[in-house]
């Protein structure tokens, strides 16, 4: 039995961002772990979601004499219905 969500069955989309492009709000390791755990929950718990899209954004910032590149990936996870465990 295949538990994947067919694209035409998607009725709810949850966006989950992993990382940050804002140098004033840098994601800590604990925050990134929480973001990845939320993504894993969406993909593994019932109702099981499916990644239907992904946006990658980045920012290049000058900090003193250095350039800093920050990246964030937003995953669009589709579900047949809104999960009851979603806040």
C-alpha atoms as a PDB file:
ATOM      1  CA  UNK A   1       0.000   0.000   0.000  1.00  0.00           C
ATOM      2  CA  UNK A   2       1.416   3.390  -1.013  1.00  0.00           C
ATOM      3  CA  UNK A   3       0.949   6.127   1.612  1.00  0.00           C
ATOM      4  CA  UNK A   4       2.171   8.961  -0.617  1.00  0.00           C
ATOM      5  CA  UNK A   5      -0.165  11.881  -1.160  1.00  0.00           C
ATOM      6  CA  UNK A   6      -1.093  12.374  -4.799  1.00  0.00           C
ATOM      7  CA  UNK A   7      -0.816  15.989  -5.880  1.00  0.00           C
ATOM      8  CA  UNK A   8      -4.515  16.191  -6.737  1.00  0.00           C
ATOM      9  CA  UNK A   9      -5.359  15.011  -3.179  1.00  0.00           C
ATOM     10  CA  UNK A  10      -3.512  17.896  -1.475  1.00  0.00           C
ATOM     11  CA  UNK A  11      -5.934  20.077   0.497  1.00  0.00           C
ATOM     12  CA  UNK A  12      -3.567  21.595   3.075  1.00  0.00           C
ATOM     13  CA  UNK A  13      -0.041  22.977   2.607  1.00  0.00           C
ATOM     14  CA  UNK A  14       2.325  23.663   5.491  1.00  0.00           C
ATOM     15  CA  UNK A  15       5.470  25.731   4.945  1.00  0.00           C
ATOM     16  CA  UNK A  16       8.519  24.869   7.032  1.00  0.00           C
ATOM     17  CA  UNK A  17      11.658  27.017   6.870  1.00  0.00           C
ATOM     18  CA  UNK A  18      15.039  25.543   7.768  1.00  0.00           C
ATOM     19  CA  UNK A  19      17.763  28.127   8.335  1.00  0.00           C
ATOM     20  CA  UNK A  20      17.642  31.923   8.254  1.00  0.00           C
ATOM     21  CA  UNK A  21      18.708  34.690   5.885  1.00  0.00           C
ATOM     22  CA  UNK A  22      18.461  37.426   8.509  1.00  0.00           C
ATOM     23  CA  UNK A  23      21.842  38.168  10.122  1.00  0.00           C
ATOM     24  CA  UNK A  24      20.069  39.651  13.166  1.00  0.00           C
ATOM     25  CA  UNK A  25      18.055  36.456  13.730  1.00  0.00           C
ATOM     26  CA  UNK A  26      20.599  33.716  13.074  1.00  0.00           C
ATOM     27  CA  UNK A  27      19.274  30.236  13.718  1.00  0.00           C
ATOM     28  CA  UNK A  28      21.128  28.409  16.481  1.00  0.00           C
ATOM     29  CA  UNK A  29      21.925  24.715  16.224  1.00  0.00           C
ATOM     30  CA  UNK A  30      19.018  23.970  18.563  1.00  0.00           C
ATOM     31  CA  UNK A  31      16.638  26.033  16.423  1.00  0.00           C
ATOM     32  CA  UNK A  32      17.783  24.306  13.223  1.00  0.00           C
ATOM     33  CA  UNK A  33      17.334  20.908  14.922  1.00  0.00           C
ATOM     34  CA  UNK A  34      13.782  21.938  15.896  1.00  0.00           C
ATOM     35  CA  UNK A  35      13.046  23.016  12.315  1.00  0.00           C
ATOM     36  CA  UNK A  36      14.337  19.716  10.883  1.00  0.00           C
ATOM     37  CA  UNK A  37      12.389  17.739  13.526  1.00  0.00           C
ATOM     38  CA  UNK A  38       9.198  19.545  12.476  1.00  0.00           C
ATOM     39  CA  UNK A  39       9.885  18.688   8.829  1.00  0.00           C
ATOM     40  CA  UNK A  40      10.514  15.033   9.722  1.00  0.00           C
ATOM     41  CA  UNK A  41       7.283  14.941  11.715  1.00  0.00           C
ATOM     42  CA  UNK A  42       5.355  16.198   8.681  1.00  0.00           C
ATOM     43  CA  UNK A  43       6.899  13.528   6.476  1.00  0.00           C
ATOM     44  CA  UNK A  44       6.601  10.577   8.873  1.00  0.00           C
ATOM     45  CA  UNK A  45       3.511  10.962  11.081  1.00  0.00           C
ATOM     46  CA  UNK A  46      -0.110  10.382  10.117  1.00  0.00           C
ATOM     47  CA  UNK A  47      -1.387  12.000   7.983  1.00  0.00           C
ATOM     48  CA  UNK A  48       1.863  11.694   6.071  1.00  0.00           C
ATOM     49  CA  UNK A  49       2.812  14.737   4.064  1.00  0.00           C
ATOM     50  CA  UNK A  50       4.728  15.026   0.828  1.00  0.00           C
ATOM     51  CA  UNK A  51       7.176  17.720  -0.262  1.00  0.00           C
ATOM     52  CA  UNK A  52       5.513  19.427  -3.209  1.00  0.00           C
ATOM     53  CA  UNK A  53       7.829  22.416  -3.507  1.00  0.00           C
ATOM     54  CA  UNK A  54      10.971  24.012  -2.188  1.00  0.00           C
ATOM     55  CA  UNK A  55      12.213  27.620  -2.124  1.00  0.00           C
ATOM     56  CA  UNK A  56      15.872  28.352  -1.499  1.00  0.00           C
ATOM     57  CA  UNK A  57      16.809  31.880  -0.532  1.00  0.00           C
ATOM     58  CA  UNK A  58      20.094  33.369   0.497  1.00  0.00           C
ATOM     59  CA  UNK A  59      21.543  36.658   1.578  1.00  0.00           C
ATOM     60  CA  UNK A  60      25.054  38.052   1.264  1.00  0.00           C
ATOM     61  CA  UNK A  61      26.035  40.482   4.003  1.00  0.00           C
ATOM     62  CA  UNK A  62      29.192  42.443   4.740  1.00  0.00           C
ATOM     63  CA  UNK A  63      30.388  42.175   8.323  1.00  0.00           C
ATOM     64  CA  UNK A  64      33.449  44.342   8.715  1.00  0.00           C
ATOM     65  CA  UNK A  65      35.908  43.148   6.082  1.00  0.00           C
ATOM     66  CA  UNK A  66      34.176  39.796   5.643  1.00  0.00           C
ATOM     67  CA  UNK A  67      31.235  38.649   3.569  1.00  0.00           C
ATOM     68  CA  UNK A  68      28.734  36.297   5.163  1.00  0.00           C
ATOM     69  CA  UNK A  69      26.380  34.138   3.090  1.00  0.00           C
ATOM     70  CA  UNK A  70      23.246  32.898   4.847  1.00  0.00           C
ATOM     71  CA  UNK A  71      20.775  30.393   3.414  1.00  0.00           C
ATOM     72  CA  UNK A  72      17.250  29.281   4.240  1.00  0.00           C
ATOM     73  CA  UNK A  73      15.191  26.569   2.569  1.00  0.00           C
ATOM     74  CA  UNK A  74      11.397  26.629   2.782  1.00  0.00           C
ATOM     75  CA  UNK A  75       9.704  23.285   2.179  1.00  0.00           C
ATOM     76  CA  UNK A  76       6.071  23.176   1.054  1.00  0.00           C
ATOM     77  CA  UNK A  77       4.566  19.991   2.488  1.00  0.00           C
ATOM     78  CA  UNK A  78       1.197  18.889   1.124  1.00  0.00           C
ATOM     79  CA  UNK A  79      -1.371  16.913   3.136  1.00  0.00           C
ATOM     80  CA  UNK A  80      -4.763  15.439   2.237  1.00  0.00           C
ATOM     81  CA  UNK A  81      -6.131  17.237   5.336  1.00  0.00           C
ATOM     82  CA  UNK A  82      -4.764  19.453   8.107  1.00  0.00           C
ATOM     83  CA  UNK A  83      -2.961  17.287  10.680  1.00  0.00           C
ATOM     84  CA  UNK A  84      -4.593  17.273  14.114  1.00  0.00           C
ATOM     85  CA  UNK A  85      -1.173  17.749  15.728  1.00  0.00           C
ATOM     86  CA  UNK A  86      -0.547  21.004  13.808  1.00  0.00           C
ATOM     87  CA  UNK A  87      -0.841  24.037  16.080  1.00  0.00           C
END
